């Protein structure tokens, strides 16, 4: 099966499943209606892929695995199974809109996959992961945070006078997602602190205590602020 046909093939499989169900439920026309709608959608998707439609280029580039549509479960799968089920599909505009909606649902399914399988992904590879699934790097980080139970992030400031050796700095940078960078003179004056960004912790005190223990400094000497993840 070619990559061009991956989504259309999946849609036709679901249409066939509905037709098989319809055979045993002659008094419920919804399965037959949905099967017809899915077949029309499959034809529209096939033609769209051939002419380079945005939705199909996106879905086939980012959401096909081993020649198969990647998300038969989750939001995509549920929405496809319900397509045309409770109400008729009227015209190509609805087919086009569904494929556009499917792009958004595929992004959500990809993010859920990343978070659920977070052990298979390295945060350092966030840019490559984002490119693979056609989502933003911030969404990759958010998915990893959700999967790893990270709820709060802090920036901890180490005073300029406290020097770090290469080994200690490496320990800081080994914390999941942490970025170590000198603050700017514009923001902090002539002696900007070394900022340890994206420190996961339950509270400001816990963030300071974690960094203080690693670098050998009194907790009170460290500044701290809560904030979003810094990329």
N, C-alpha and C. Protein backbone atom coordinates (compact mmCIF):
# COMPACT_ATOMS: atom_id res chain seq x y z
N UNK A 1 0.84 -1.20 0.00
CA UNK A 1 0.00 0.00 0.00
C UNK A 1 0.88 1.24 0.00
N UNK A 2 0.62 2.13 -0.86
CA UNK A 2 1.43 3.33 -0.95
C UNK A 2 1.06 4.31 0.15
N UNK A 3 2.02 5.23 0.47
CA UNK A 3 1.77 6.23 1.50
C UNK A 3 0.60 7.12 1.11
N UNK A 4 0.47 7.38 -0.21
CA UNK A 4 -0.61 8.24 -0.68
C UNK A 4 -1.96 7.68 -0.27
N UNK A 5 -2.09 6.35 -0.23
CA UNK A 5 -3.38 5.73 0.04
C UNK A 5 -3.61 5.38 1.51
N UNK A 6 -2.68 5.72 2.39
CA UNK A 6 -2.77 5.24 3.77
C UNK A 6 -4.05 5.68 4.47
N UNK A 7 -4.37 6.95 4.42
CA UNK A 7 -5.57 7.43 5.11
C UNK A 7 -6.82 6.92 4.41
N UNK A 8 -6.87 7.02 3.07
CA UNK A 8 -8.04 6.55 2.34
C UNK A 8 -8.29 5.06 2.60
N UNK A 9 -7.21 4.31 2.67
CA UNK A 9 -7.36 2.88 2.93
C UNK A 9 -7.98 2.64 4.30
N UNK A 10 -7.53 3.38 5.28
CA UNK A 10 -8.09 3.24 6.62
C UNK A 10 -9.58 3.61 6.64
N UNK A 11 -9.92 4.70 5.94
CA UNK A 11 -11.32 5.12 5.88
C UNK A 11 -12.19 4.04 5.24
N UNK A 12 -11.67 3.41 4.20
CA UNK A 12 -12.44 2.37 3.53
C UNK A 12 -12.59 1.14 4.42
N UNK A 13 -11.56 0.86 5.22
CA UNK A 13 -11.66 -0.27 6.15
C UNK A 13 -12.78 -0.03 7.17
N UNK A 14 -12.86 1.21 7.66
CA UNK A 14 -13.91 1.52 8.62
C UNK A 14 -15.29 1.49 7.96
N UNK A 15 -15.34 1.93 6.70
CA UNK A 15 -16.61 1.84 5.96
C UNK A 15 -17.05 0.38 5.82
N UNK A 16 -16.10 -0.49 5.51
CA UNK A 16 -16.42 -1.91 5.36
C UNK A 16 -16.90 -2.51 6.69
N UNK A 17 -16.28 -2.06 7.79
CA UNK A 17 -16.71 -2.55 9.10
C UNK A 17 -18.14 -2.12 9.40
N UNK A 18 -18.46 -0.88 9.04
CA UNK A 18 -19.84 -0.41 9.25
C UNK A 18 -20.82 -1.19 8.39
N UNK A 19 -20.45 -1.50 7.16
CA UNK A 19 -21.35 -2.25 6.30
C UNK A 19 -21.58 -3.66 6.85
N UNK A 20 -20.54 -4.24 7.43
CA UNK A 20 -20.71 -5.57 8.02
C UNK A 20 -21.66 -5.50 9.21
N UNK A 21 -21.54 -4.44 10.00
CA UNK A 21 -22.46 -4.27 11.13
C UNK A 21 -23.88 -4.02 10.63
N UNK A 22 -24.00 -3.23 9.56
CA UNK A 22 -25.32 -2.90 9.01
C UNK A 22 -26.06 -4.15 8.57
N UNK A 23 -25.33 -5.15 8.09
CA UNK A 23 -25.97 -6.37 7.61
C UNK A 23 -26.72 -7.09 8.73
N UNK A 24 -26.23 -6.91 9.96
CA UNK A 24 -26.89 -7.55 11.10
C UNK A 24 -27.88 -6.65 11.80
N UNK A 25 -27.98 -5.40 11.33
CA UNK A 25 -28.91 -4.45 11.95
C UNK A 25 -29.73 -3.74 10.86
N UNK A 26 -30.57 -4.50 10.18
CA UNK A 26 -31.31 -3.91 9.05
C UNK A 26 -32.25 -2.78 9.45
N UNK A 27 -32.60 -2.68 10.72
CA UNK A 27 -33.51 -1.63 11.16
C UNK A 27 -32.79 -0.36 11.61
N UNK A 28 -31.46 -0.37 11.55
CA UNK A 28 -30.68 0.81 11.96
C UNK A 28 -29.86 1.28 10.76
N UNK A 29 -30.33 2.30 10.05
CA UNK A 29 -29.67 2.73 8.82
C UNK A 29 -28.39 3.54 9.06
N UNK A 30 -28.08 3.84 10.31
CA UNK A 30 -26.95 4.73 10.57
C UNK A 30 -25.61 4.13 10.11
N UNK A 31 -25.48 2.83 10.26
CA UNK A 31 -24.22 2.21 9.86
C UNK A 31 -24.01 2.30 8.35
N UNK A 32 -25.10 2.10 7.60
CA UNK A 32 -25.02 2.20 6.15
C UNK A 32 -24.74 3.64 5.74
N UNK A 33 -25.36 4.59 6.43
CA UNK A 33 -25.13 6.00 6.12
C UNK A 33 -23.68 6.39 6.39
N UNK A 34 -23.16 5.94 7.52
CA UNK A 34 -21.77 6.26 7.86
C UNK A 34 -20.80 5.60 6.88
N UNK A 35 -21.10 4.39 6.48
CA UNK A 35 -20.24 3.70 5.52
C UNK A 35 -20.16 4.48 4.21
N UNK A 36 -21.31 4.95 3.75
CA UNK A 36 -21.33 5.73 2.50
C UNK A 36 -20.56 7.03 2.66
N UNK A 37 -20.71 7.69 3.82
CA UNK A 37 -19.99 8.94 4.06
C UNK A 37 -18.49 8.70 4.12
N UNK A 38 -18.07 7.62 4.74
CA UNK A 38 -16.65 7.31 4.83
C UNK A 38 -16.06 6.97 3.47
N UNK A 39 -16.82 6.29 2.65
CA UNK A 39 -16.34 5.99 1.30
C UNK A 39 -16.19 7.27 0.49
N UNK A 40 -17.14 8.20 0.64
CA UNK A 40 -17.03 9.49 -0.05
C UNK A 40 -15.82 10.26 0.47
N UNK A 41 -15.59 10.19 1.76
CA UNK A 41 -14.43 10.86 2.35
C UNK A 41 -13.14 10.23 1.85
N UNK A 42 -13.11 8.93 1.74
CA UNK A 42 -11.92 8.23 1.24
C UNK A 42 -11.62 8.65 -0.19
N UNK A 43 -12.65 8.75 -1.02
CA UNK A 43 -12.45 9.18 -2.40
C UNK A 43 -11.93 10.62 -2.45
N UNK A 44 -12.52 11.46 -1.60
CA UNK A 44 -12.11 12.87 -1.57
C UNK A 44 -10.67 13.00 -1.08
N UNK A 45 -10.30 12.22 -0.07
CA UNK A 45 -8.93 12.24 0.44
C UNK A 45 -7.95 11.72 -0.60
N UNK A 46 -8.36 10.70 -1.34
CA UNK A 46 -7.49 10.15 -2.38
C UNK A 46 -7.22 11.19 -3.46
N UNK A 47 -8.28 11.84 -3.91
CA UNK A 47 -8.12 12.88 -4.94
C UNK A 47 -7.32 14.05 -4.39
N UNK A 48 -7.56 14.38 -3.11
CA UNK A 48 -6.82 15.48 -2.49
C UNK A 48 -5.34 15.20 -2.39
N UNK A 49 -5.00 13.96 -2.07
CA UNK A 49 -3.59 13.59 -1.99
C UNK A 49 -2.92 13.73 -3.35
N UNK A 50 -3.62 13.35 -4.38
CA UNK A 50 -3.05 13.41 -5.72
C UNK A 50 -2.80 14.84 -6.19
N UNK A 51 -3.65 15.77 -5.72
CA UNK A 51 -3.46 17.16 -6.15
C UNK A 51 -2.70 18.00 -5.12
N UNK A 52 -2.22 17.35 -4.06
CA UNK A 52 -1.39 18.06 -3.08
C UNK A 52 -2.16 18.91 -2.10
N UNK A 53 -3.38 18.52 -1.76
CA UNK A 53 -4.18 19.25 -0.77
C UNK A 53 -3.41 19.34 0.56
N UNK A 54 -3.48 20.51 1.20
CA UNK A 54 -2.73 20.73 2.44
C UNK A 54 -3.00 19.65 3.48
N UNK A 55 -4.29 19.38 3.73
CA UNK A 55 -4.62 18.43 4.79
C UNK A 55 -3.98 17.07 4.52
N UNK A 56 -4.02 16.64 3.28
CA UNK A 56 -3.48 15.33 2.97
C UNK A 56 -1.96 15.32 2.99
N UNK A 57 -1.35 16.40 2.53
CA UNK A 57 0.11 16.48 2.63
C UNK A 57 0.55 16.39 4.08
N UNK A 58 -0.15 17.13 4.95
CA UNK A 58 0.20 17.13 6.36
C UNK A 58 -0.02 15.76 7.00
N UNK A 59 -1.19 15.19 6.80
CA UNK A 59 -1.51 13.92 7.44
C UNK A 59 -0.62 12.79 6.96
N UNK A 60 -0.34 12.75 5.66
CA UNK A 60 0.47 11.66 5.12
C UNK A 60 1.95 11.82 5.44
N UNK A 61 2.39 13.05 5.61
CA UNK A 61 3.80 13.27 5.96
C UNK A 61 4.07 12.98 7.43
N UNK A 62 3.13 13.32 8.30
CA UNK A 62 3.41 13.28 9.73
C UNK A 62 2.66 12.21 10.51
N UNK A 63 1.64 11.61 9.93
CA UNK A 63 0.78 10.73 10.72
C UNK A 63 0.52 9.40 10.03
N UNK A 64 1.52 8.90 9.36
CA UNK A 64 1.51 7.57 8.78
C UNK A 64 2.73 6.82 9.30
N UNK A 65 2.52 5.61 9.79
CA UNK A 65 3.61 4.78 10.31
C UNK A 65 3.57 3.43 9.62
N UNK A 66 4.66 3.06 9.01
CA UNK A 66 4.76 1.78 8.30
C UNK A 66 3.61 1.59 7.30
N UNK A 67 3.27 2.68 6.60
CA UNK A 67 2.26 2.61 5.56
C UNK A 67 0.83 2.60 6.07
N UNK A 68 0.64 2.79 7.39
CA UNK A 68 -0.69 2.77 7.97
C UNK A 68 -0.98 4.11 8.66
N UNK A 69 -2.24 4.51 8.67
CA UNK A 69 -2.62 5.70 9.41
C UNK A 69 -2.28 5.48 10.88
N UNK A 70 -1.65 6.47 11.50
CA UNK A 70 -1.03 6.26 12.81
C UNK A 70 -2.00 6.24 13.98
N UNK A 71 -3.19 6.84 13.83
CA UNK A 71 -4.04 7.04 15.01
C UNK A 71 -5.43 6.41 14.85
N UNK A 72 -5.50 5.10 14.71
CA UNK A 72 -6.82 4.46 14.62
C UNK A 72 -7.59 4.53 15.93
N UNK A 73 -6.89 4.84 17.02
CA UNK A 73 -7.53 5.03 18.32
C UNK A 73 -7.43 6.51 18.67
N UNK A 74 -7.97 6.88 19.81
CA UNK A 74 -7.92 8.28 20.21
C UNK A 74 -8.94 9.12 19.48
N UNK A 75 -8.69 10.44 19.44
CA UNK A 75 -9.66 11.36 18.85
C UNK A 75 -9.90 11.07 17.37
N UNK A 76 -8.84 10.79 16.64
CA UNK A 76 -8.99 10.52 15.20
C UNK A 76 -9.88 9.31 14.96
N UNK A 77 -9.56 8.22 15.62
CA UNK A 77 -10.32 7.00 15.40
C UNK A 77 -11.79 7.14 15.78
N UNK A 78 -12.04 7.78 16.92
CA UNK A 78 -13.42 7.95 17.36
C UNK A 78 -14.21 8.83 16.39
N UNK A 79 -13.57 9.89 15.92
CA UNK A 79 -14.27 10.81 15.02
C UNK A 79 -14.54 10.16 13.67
N UNK A 80 -13.60 9.37 13.19
CA UNK A 80 -13.80 8.69 11.91
C UNK A 80 -14.95 7.69 12.02
N UNK A 81 -15.01 6.95 13.12
CA UNK A 81 -16.09 5.97 13.29
C UNK A 81 -17.46 6.64 13.36
N UNK A 82 -17.51 7.88 13.82
CA UNK A 82 -18.78 8.59 13.95
C UNK A 82 -19.13 9.42 12.72
N UNK A 83 -18.23 9.49 11.75
CA UNK A 83 -18.45 10.36 10.61
C UNK A 83 -19.69 9.93 9.82
N UNK A 84 -20.63 10.83 9.66
CA UNK A 84 -21.85 10.53 8.92
C UNK A 84 -22.80 9.60 9.61
N UNK A 85 -22.55 9.32 10.89
CA UNK A 85 -23.35 8.31 11.59
C UNK A 85 -24.71 8.85 12.00
N UNK A 86 -24.72 10.00 12.66
CA UNK A 86 -25.97 10.54 13.19
C UNK A 86 -26.62 11.59 12.30
N UNK A 87 -25.85 12.09 11.35
CA UNK A 87 -26.45 13.06 10.43
C UNK A 87 -25.76 12.93 9.08
N UNK A 88 -26.46 13.24 8.01
CA UNK A 88 -25.86 13.09 6.68
C UNK A 88 -24.77 14.11 6.43
N UNK A 89 -23.84 13.75 5.58
CA UNK A 89 -22.76 14.65 5.16
C UNK A 89 -23.18 15.28 3.85
N UNK A 90 -23.20 16.60 3.83
CA UNK A 90 -23.70 17.32 2.65
C UNK A 90 -22.57 18.06 1.94
N UNK A 91 -22.09 17.49 0.89
CA UNK A 91 -21.17 18.18 0.00
C UNK A 91 -19.70 18.13 0.39
N UNK A 92 -18.88 18.60 -0.55
CA UNK A 92 -17.43 18.53 -0.38
C UNK A 92 -16.92 19.48 0.70
N UNK A 93 -17.67 20.54 0.98
CA UNK A 93 -17.23 21.45 2.03
C UNK A 93 -17.11 20.72 3.37
N UNK A 94 -18.04 19.84 3.65
CA UNK A 94 -17.98 19.10 4.90
C UNK A 94 -16.85 18.08 4.88
N UNK A 95 -16.59 17.49 3.74
CA UNK A 95 -15.47 16.56 3.62
C UNK A 95 -14.15 17.30 3.85
N UNK A 96 -14.04 18.46 3.24
CA UNK A 96 -12.83 19.26 3.38
C UNK A 96 -12.63 19.69 4.83
N UNK A 97 -13.70 20.13 5.48
CA UNK A 97 -13.60 20.58 6.87
C UNK A 97 -13.24 19.44 7.80
N UNK A 98 -13.78 18.26 7.54
CA UNK A 98 -13.45 17.12 8.39
C UNK A 98 -11.97 16.79 8.31
N UNK A 99 -11.42 16.83 7.12
CA UNK A 99 -9.99 16.56 6.98
C UNK A 99 -9.16 17.62 7.71
N UNK A 100 -9.63 18.88 7.68
CA UNK A 100 -8.93 19.93 8.41
C UNK A 100 -9.01 19.65 9.92
N UNK A 101 -10.20 19.27 10.38
CA UNK A 101 -10.37 18.93 11.79
C UNK A 101 -9.50 17.72 12.16
N UNK A 102 -9.38 16.79 11.23
CA UNK A 102 -8.59 15.60 11.48
C UNK A 102 -7.11 15.96 11.71
N UNK A 103 -6.65 16.99 11.02
CA UNK A 103 -5.27 17.45 11.25
C UNK A 103 -5.08 17.86 12.70
N UNK A 104 -6.02 18.63 13.24
CA UNK A 104 -5.92 19.06 14.64
C UNK A 104 -6.02 17.87 15.59
N UNK A 105 -6.92 16.95 15.28
CA UNK A 105 -7.05 15.77 16.14
C UNK A 105 -5.80 14.91 16.10
N UNK A 106 -5.16 14.83 14.93
CA UNK A 106 -3.93 14.05 14.82
C UNK A 106 -2.82 14.66 15.68
N UNK A 107 -2.78 15.98 15.74
CA UNK A 107 -1.80 16.65 16.62
C UNK A 107 -2.03 16.26 18.07
N UNK A 108 -3.30 16.25 18.46
CA UNK A 108 -3.62 15.87 19.84
C UNK A 108 -3.27 14.41 20.11
N UNK A 109 -3.56 13.54 19.16
CA UNK A 109 -3.23 12.13 19.33
C UNK A 109 -1.72 11.93 19.39
N UNK A 110 -0.98 12.70 18.59
CA UNK A 110 0.48 12.59 18.62
C UNK A 110 1.02 13.04 19.98
N UNK A 111 0.49 14.16 20.49
CA UNK A 111 0.94 14.65 21.80
C UNK A 111 0.62 13.63 22.90
N UNK A 112 -0.56 13.03 22.82
CA UNK A 112 -0.92 12.01 23.80
C UNK A 112 0.02 10.81 23.70
N UNK A 113 0.37 10.43 22.49
CA UNK A 113 1.30 9.31 22.28
C UNK A 113 2.66 9.63 22.91
N UNK A 114 3.14 10.84 22.71
CA UNK A 114 4.43 11.23 23.28
C UNK A 114 4.39 11.18 24.80
N UNK A 115 3.32 11.75 25.38
CA UNK A 115 3.21 11.76 26.83
C UNK A 115 3.04 10.37 27.42
N UNK A 116 2.25 9.53 26.78
CA UNK A 116 2.01 8.18 27.28
C UNK A 116 3.26 7.31 27.18
N UNK A 117 4.06 7.57 26.15
CA UNK A 117 5.28 6.78 25.92
C UNK A 117 6.53 7.62 26.15
N UNK A 118 6.50 8.47 27.18
CA UNK A 118 7.57 9.45 27.37
C UNK A 118 8.94 8.81 27.56
N UNK A 119 9.00 7.59 28.03
CA UNK A 119 10.29 6.93 28.22
C UNK A 119 10.99 6.63 26.89
N UNK A 120 10.23 6.63 25.82
CA UNK A 120 10.81 6.36 24.51
C UNK A 120 11.39 7.61 23.85
N UNK A 121 11.18 8.77 24.48
CA UNK A 121 11.58 10.03 23.88
C UNK A 121 12.56 10.78 24.78
N UNK A 122 13.55 11.41 24.16
CA UNK A 122 14.51 12.24 24.87
C UNK A 122 14.13 13.70 24.69
N UNK A 123 14.15 14.46 25.77
CA UNK A 123 13.79 15.88 25.66
C UNK A 123 14.75 16.62 24.74
N UNK A 124 15.99 16.20 24.72
CA UNK A 124 16.97 16.85 23.85
C UNK A 124 16.61 16.71 22.38
N UNK A 125 15.75 15.74 22.06
CA UNK A 125 15.33 15.51 20.67
C UNK A 125 14.01 16.18 20.35
N UNK A 126 13.58 17.14 21.19
CA UNK A 126 12.26 17.75 21.03
C UNK A 126 12.05 18.33 19.65
N UNK A 127 13.06 19.00 19.10
CA UNK A 127 12.90 19.61 17.78
C UNK A 127 12.65 18.55 16.71
N UNK A 128 13.38 17.45 16.78
CA UNK A 128 13.21 16.37 15.80
C UNK A 128 11.86 15.68 15.99
N UNK A 129 11.43 15.51 17.24
CA UNK A 129 10.14 14.90 17.52
C UNK A 129 9.02 15.79 16.96
N UNK A 130 9.17 17.09 17.20
CA UNK A 130 8.17 18.04 16.70
C UNK A 130 8.08 17.97 15.18
N UNK A 131 9.21 17.91 14.52
CA UNK A 131 9.22 17.84 13.06
C UNK A 131 8.58 16.53 12.58
N UNK A 132 8.87 15.45 13.29
CA UNK A 132 8.32 14.15 12.89
C UNK A 132 6.80 14.16 12.91
N UNK A 133 6.20 14.74 13.96
CA UNK A 133 4.76 14.69 14.12
C UNK A 133 4.06 15.97 13.66
N UNK A 134 4.81 16.94 13.15
CA UNK A 134 4.20 18.15 12.64
C UNK A 134 3.53 18.99 13.70
N UNK A 135 4.15 19.03 14.89
CA UNK A 135 3.62 19.85 15.98
C UNK A 135 4.72 20.77 16.48
N UNK A 136 4.38 21.74 17.32
CA UNK A 136 5.37 22.65 17.85
C UNK A 136 6.22 22.01 18.92
N UNK A 137 7.46 22.48 19.05
CA UNK A 137 8.35 21.95 20.08
C UNK A 137 7.77 22.18 21.47
N UNK A 138 7.06 23.30 21.66
CA UNK A 138 6.46 23.56 22.96
C UNK A 138 5.43 22.48 23.32
N UNK A 139 4.74 21.97 22.30
CA UNK A 139 3.76 20.91 22.56
C UNK A 139 4.45 19.60 22.91
N UNK A 140 5.59 19.35 22.32
CA UNK A 140 6.36 18.15 22.67
C UNK A 140 6.78 18.23 24.13
N UNK A 141 7.33 19.38 24.54
CA UNK A 141 7.75 19.55 25.93
C UNK A 141 6.57 19.40 26.88
N UNK A 142 5.43 19.98 26.52
CA UNK A 142 4.24 19.88 27.37
C UNK A 142 3.80 18.43 27.51
N UNK A 143 3.88 17.67 26.41
CA UNK A 143 3.50 16.26 26.47
C UNK A 143 4.46 15.47 27.35
N UNK A 144 5.75 15.75 27.23
CA UNK A 144 6.73 15.08 28.08
C UNK A 144 6.52 15.45 29.55
N UNK A 145 6.24 16.73 29.79
CA UNK A 145 5.98 17.16 31.17
C UNK A 145 4.78 16.42 31.75
N UNK A 146 3.72 16.32 30.96
CA UNK A 146 2.52 15.62 31.42
C UNK A 146 2.83 14.16 31.71
N UNK A 147 3.56 13.52 30.81
CA UNK A 147 3.90 12.12 30.99
C UNK A 147 4.81 11.87 32.18
N UNK A 148 5.66 12.84 32.50
CA UNK A 148 6.62 12.69 33.60
C UNK A 148 6.13 13.32 34.90
N UNK A 149 4.90 13.80 34.88
CA UNK A 149 4.32 14.35 36.09
C UNK A 149 4.89 15.68 36.52
N UNK A 150 5.45 16.45 35.57
CA UNK A 150 6.02 17.76 35.88
C UNK A 150 4.90 18.79 35.85
N UNK A 151 4.64 19.42 36.98
CA UNK A 151 3.55 20.40 37.06
C UNK A 151 4.05 21.82 37.26
N UNK A 152 5.20 21.96 37.91
CA UNK A 152 5.71 23.30 38.22
C UNK A 152 7.18 23.40 37.82
N UNK A 153 7.53 24.54 37.25
CA UNK A 153 8.90 24.81 36.85
C UNK A 153 9.37 26.12 37.47
N UNK A 154 10.66 26.17 37.78
CA UNK A 154 11.22 27.35 38.43
C UNK A 154 12.55 27.73 37.79
N UNK A 155 12.87 29.01 37.90
CA UNK A 155 14.19 29.52 37.54
C UNK A 155 14.90 29.84 38.85
N UNK A 156 16.04 29.23 39.04
CA UNK A 156 16.83 29.46 40.26
C UNK A 156 18.07 30.25 39.89
N UNK A 157 18.30 31.35 40.60
CA UNK A 157 19.45 32.21 40.32
C UNK A 157 20.59 31.95 41.29
N UNK A 158 21.75 31.65 40.72
CA UNK A 158 22.97 31.44 41.52
C UNK A 158 23.79 32.72 41.48
N UNK A 159 24.14 33.28 42.63
CA UNK A 159 24.86 34.56 42.62
C UNK A 159 26.19 34.49 41.87
N UNK A 160 26.55 35.60 41.29
CA UNK A 160 27.74 35.68 40.45
C UNK A 160 29.01 35.25 41.18
N UNK A 161 29.06 35.50 42.48
CA UNK A 161 30.28 35.20 43.24
C UNK A 161 30.48 33.72 43.53
N UNK A 162 29.43 32.90 43.29
CA UNK A 162 29.57 31.46 43.56
C UNK A 162 30.00 30.75 42.27
N UNK A 163 31.23 30.31 42.23
CA UNK A 163 31.75 29.68 41.01
C UNK A 163 31.40 28.20 40.96
N UNK A 164 31.12 27.74 39.74
CA UNK A 164 30.83 26.33 39.52
C UNK A 164 31.93 25.68 38.70
N UNK A 165 32.33 24.48 39.09
CA UNK A 165 33.28 23.75 38.24
C UNK A 165 32.48 23.02 37.15
N UNK A 166 33.20 22.48 36.18
CA UNK A 166 32.55 21.86 35.02
C UNK A 166 31.68 20.67 35.44
N UNK A 167 32.13 19.92 36.43
CA UNK A 167 31.36 18.76 36.86
C UNK A 167 30.04 19.14 37.50
N UNK A 168 30.05 20.20 38.33
CA UNK A 168 28.82 20.65 38.98
C UNK A 168 27.83 21.20 37.95
N UNK A 169 28.36 21.97 37.00
CA UNK A 169 27.48 22.49 35.96
C UNK A 169 26.86 21.34 35.17
N UNK A 170 27.65 20.31 34.90
CA UNK A 170 27.13 19.16 34.16
C UNK A 170 26.01 18.48 34.94
N UNK A 171 26.13 18.44 36.27
CA UNK A 171 25.07 17.85 37.08
C UNK A 171 23.78 18.65 36.97
N UNK A 172 23.90 19.97 36.93
CA UNK A 172 22.72 20.81 36.76
C UNK A 172 22.07 20.56 35.41
N UNK A 173 22.89 20.51 34.38
CA UNK A 173 22.36 20.34 33.03
C UNK A 173 21.82 18.94 32.78
N UNK A 174 22.14 18.00 33.68
CA UNK A 174 21.63 16.64 33.55
C UNK A 174 20.19 16.52 34.07
N UNK A 175 19.71 17.54 34.81
CA UNK A 175 18.33 17.53 35.26
C UNK A 175 17.42 17.67 34.04
N UNK A 176 16.37 16.87 33.98
CA UNK A 176 15.50 16.83 32.81
C UNK A 176 15.02 18.21 32.39
N UNK A 177 15.46 18.65 31.21
CA UNK A 177 14.99 19.89 30.63
C UNK A 177 15.65 21.16 31.11
N UNK A 178 16.60 21.05 32.03
CA UNK A 178 17.23 22.25 32.59
C UNK A 178 18.15 22.92 31.58
N UNK A 179 18.11 24.25 31.58
CA UNK A 179 19.02 25.08 30.79
C UNK A 179 19.77 25.99 31.74
N UNK A 180 21.08 26.02 31.64
CA UNK A 180 21.91 26.88 32.50
C UNK A 180 22.48 27.99 31.64
N UNK A 181 22.19 29.23 32.01
CA UNK A 181 22.65 30.37 31.21
C UNK A 181 22.84 31.59 32.10
N UNK A 182 23.82 32.40 31.77
CA UNK A 182 24.07 33.62 32.51
C UNK A 182 22.97 34.64 32.23
N UNK A 183 22.47 35.29 33.28
CA UNK A 183 21.50 36.36 33.09
C UNK A 183 22.13 37.54 32.39
N UNK A 184 21.32 38.43 31.87
CA UNK A 184 21.84 39.58 31.13
C UNK A 184 22.12 40.75 32.08
N UNK A 185 23.08 41.57 31.69
CA UNK A 185 23.37 42.77 32.47
C UNK A 185 22.20 43.74 32.42
N UNK A 186 21.47 43.74 31.31
CA UNK A 186 20.32 44.63 31.19
C UNK A 186 19.27 44.31 32.25
N UNK A 187 19.14 43.05 32.58
CA UNK A 187 18.13 42.65 33.55
C UNK A 187 18.64 42.62 34.98
N UNK A 188 19.94 42.33 35.16
CA UNK A 188 20.44 42.08 36.51
C UNK A 188 21.59 43.01 36.95
N UNK A 189 22.05 43.87 36.06
CA UNK A 189 23.15 44.75 36.45
C UNK A 189 24.50 44.17 36.11
N UNK A 190 25.54 44.69 36.79
CA UNK A 190 26.92 44.34 36.44
C UNK A 190 27.34 42.94 36.89
N UNK A 191 26.58 42.32 37.77
CA UNK A 191 26.95 40.98 38.26
C UNK A 191 25.75 40.03 38.10
N UNK A 192 25.38 39.73 36.89
CA UNK A 192 24.19 38.90 36.67
C UNK A 192 24.39 37.48 37.21
N UNK A 193 23.36 36.91 37.77
CA UNK A 193 23.47 35.54 38.30
C UNK A 193 23.49 34.51 37.19
N UNK A 194 23.91 33.32 37.54
CA UNK A 194 23.79 32.18 36.64
C UNK A 194 22.39 31.62 36.86
N UNK A 195 21.61 31.52 35.80
CA UNK A 195 20.22 31.10 35.91
C UNK A 195 20.08 29.62 35.55
N UNK A 196 19.47 28.90 36.46
CA UNK A 196 19.15 27.48 36.21
C UNK A 196 17.66 27.43 35.89
N UNK A 197 17.34 27.28 34.61
CA UNK A 197 15.96 27.39 34.14
C UNK A 197 15.31 26.00 34.01
N UNK A 198 14.01 25.99 34.15
CA UNK A 198 13.20 24.76 33.98
C UNK A 198 13.47 23.73 35.07
N UNK A 199 13.65 24.19 36.29
CA UNK A 199 13.87 23.27 37.40
C UNK A 199 12.53 22.70 37.85
N UNK A 200 12.31 21.39 37.71
CA UNK A 200 11.04 20.81 38.16
C UNK A 200 11.07 20.61 39.67
N UNK A 201 10.06 21.11 40.34
CA UNK A 201 9.98 20.97 41.80
C UNK A 201 8.56 21.25 42.24
N UNK A 202 8.25 20.84 43.46
CA UNK A 202 6.89 21.02 43.98
C UNK A 202 6.63 22.44 44.45
N UNK A 203 7.69 23.19 44.76
CA UNK A 203 7.52 24.54 45.28
C UNK A 203 8.81 25.33 45.09
N UNK A 204 8.74 26.64 45.35
CA UNK A 204 9.95 27.47 45.26
C UNK A 204 11.01 26.98 46.22
N UNK A 205 10.60 26.67 47.44
CA UNK A 205 11.57 26.20 48.44
C UNK A 205 12.22 24.90 47.98
N UNK A 206 11.41 23.99 47.43
CA UNK A 206 11.95 22.71 46.97
C UNK A 206 12.93 22.92 45.82
N UNK A 207 12.63 23.88 44.94
CA UNK A 207 13.53 24.17 43.81
C UNK A 207 14.87 24.69 44.33
N UNK A 208 14.83 25.63 45.26
CA UNK A 208 16.08 26.17 45.81
C UNK A 208 16.86 25.10 46.55
N UNK A 209 16.16 24.29 47.33
CA UNK A 209 16.85 23.23 48.08
C UNK A 209 17.52 22.23 47.14
N UNK A 210 16.87 21.93 46.05
CA UNK A 210 17.45 20.97 45.10
C UNK A 210 18.75 21.50 44.51
N UNK A 211 18.72 22.76 44.09
CA UNK A 211 19.91 23.34 43.47
C UNK A 211 20.99 23.58 44.51
N UNK A 212 20.60 24.04 45.69
CA UNK A 212 21.59 24.28 46.75
C UNK A 212 22.36 23.02 47.10
N UNK A 213 21.66 21.89 47.16
CA UNK A 213 22.32 20.63 47.50
C UNK A 213 23.32 20.21 46.44
N UNK A 214 23.01 20.52 45.18
CA UNK A 214 23.90 20.14 44.08
C UNK A 214 25.16 20.99 44.02
N UNK A 215 25.02 22.28 44.30
CA UNK A 215 26.15 23.19 44.07
C UNK A 215 26.87 23.59 45.35
N UNK A 216 26.38 23.16 46.52
CA UNK A 216 27.05 23.46 47.76
C UNK A 216 26.98 24.91 48.17
N UNK A 217 25.79 25.43 48.36
CA UNK A 217 25.59 26.82 48.73
C UNK A 217 24.42 26.91 49.70
N UNK A 218 24.40 27.95 50.52
CA UNK A 218 23.28 28.16 51.42
C UNK A 218 22.02 28.46 50.63
N UNK A 219 20.91 27.85 51.03
CA UNK A 219 19.65 28.03 50.32
C UNK A 219 19.26 29.50 50.21
N UNK A 220 19.52 30.25 51.26
CA UNK A 220 19.13 31.64 51.28
C UNK A 220 19.85 32.51 50.28
N UNK A 221 20.94 32.02 49.72
CA UNK A 221 21.70 32.80 48.74
C UNK A 221 21.11 32.70 47.34
N UNK A 222 20.17 31.81 47.15
CA UNK A 222 19.61 31.57 45.82
C UNK A 222 18.32 32.34 45.62
N UNK A 223 18.18 32.92 44.45
CA UNK A 223 16.92 33.52 44.05
C UNK A 223 16.07 32.48 43.35
N UNK A 224 14.77 32.68 43.29
CA UNK A 224 13.90 31.73 42.63
C UNK A 224 12.63 32.43 42.13
N UNK A 225 12.14 31.95 41.01
CA UNK A 225 10.89 32.48 40.45
C UNK A 225 10.21 31.38 39.66
N UNK A 226 8.89 31.31 39.75
CA UNK A 226 8.13 30.35 38.95
C UNK A 226 7.96 30.89 37.54
N UNK A 227 7.83 30.00 36.59
CA UNK A 227 7.64 30.47 35.22
C UNK A 227 7.36 29.34 34.27
N UNK A 228 6.99 29.66 33.03
CA UNK A 228 6.78 28.63 32.01
C UNK A 228 8.10 28.05 31.56
N UNK A 229 8.01 26.94 30.83
CA UNK A 229 9.24 26.33 30.34
C UNK A 229 9.93 27.27 29.35
N UNK A 230 11.25 27.38 29.51
CA UNK A 230 12.08 28.16 28.60
C UNK A 230 12.66 27.22 27.56
N UNK A 231 12.46 27.51 26.28
CA UNK A 231 12.94 26.63 25.22
C UNK A 231 14.25 27.14 24.66
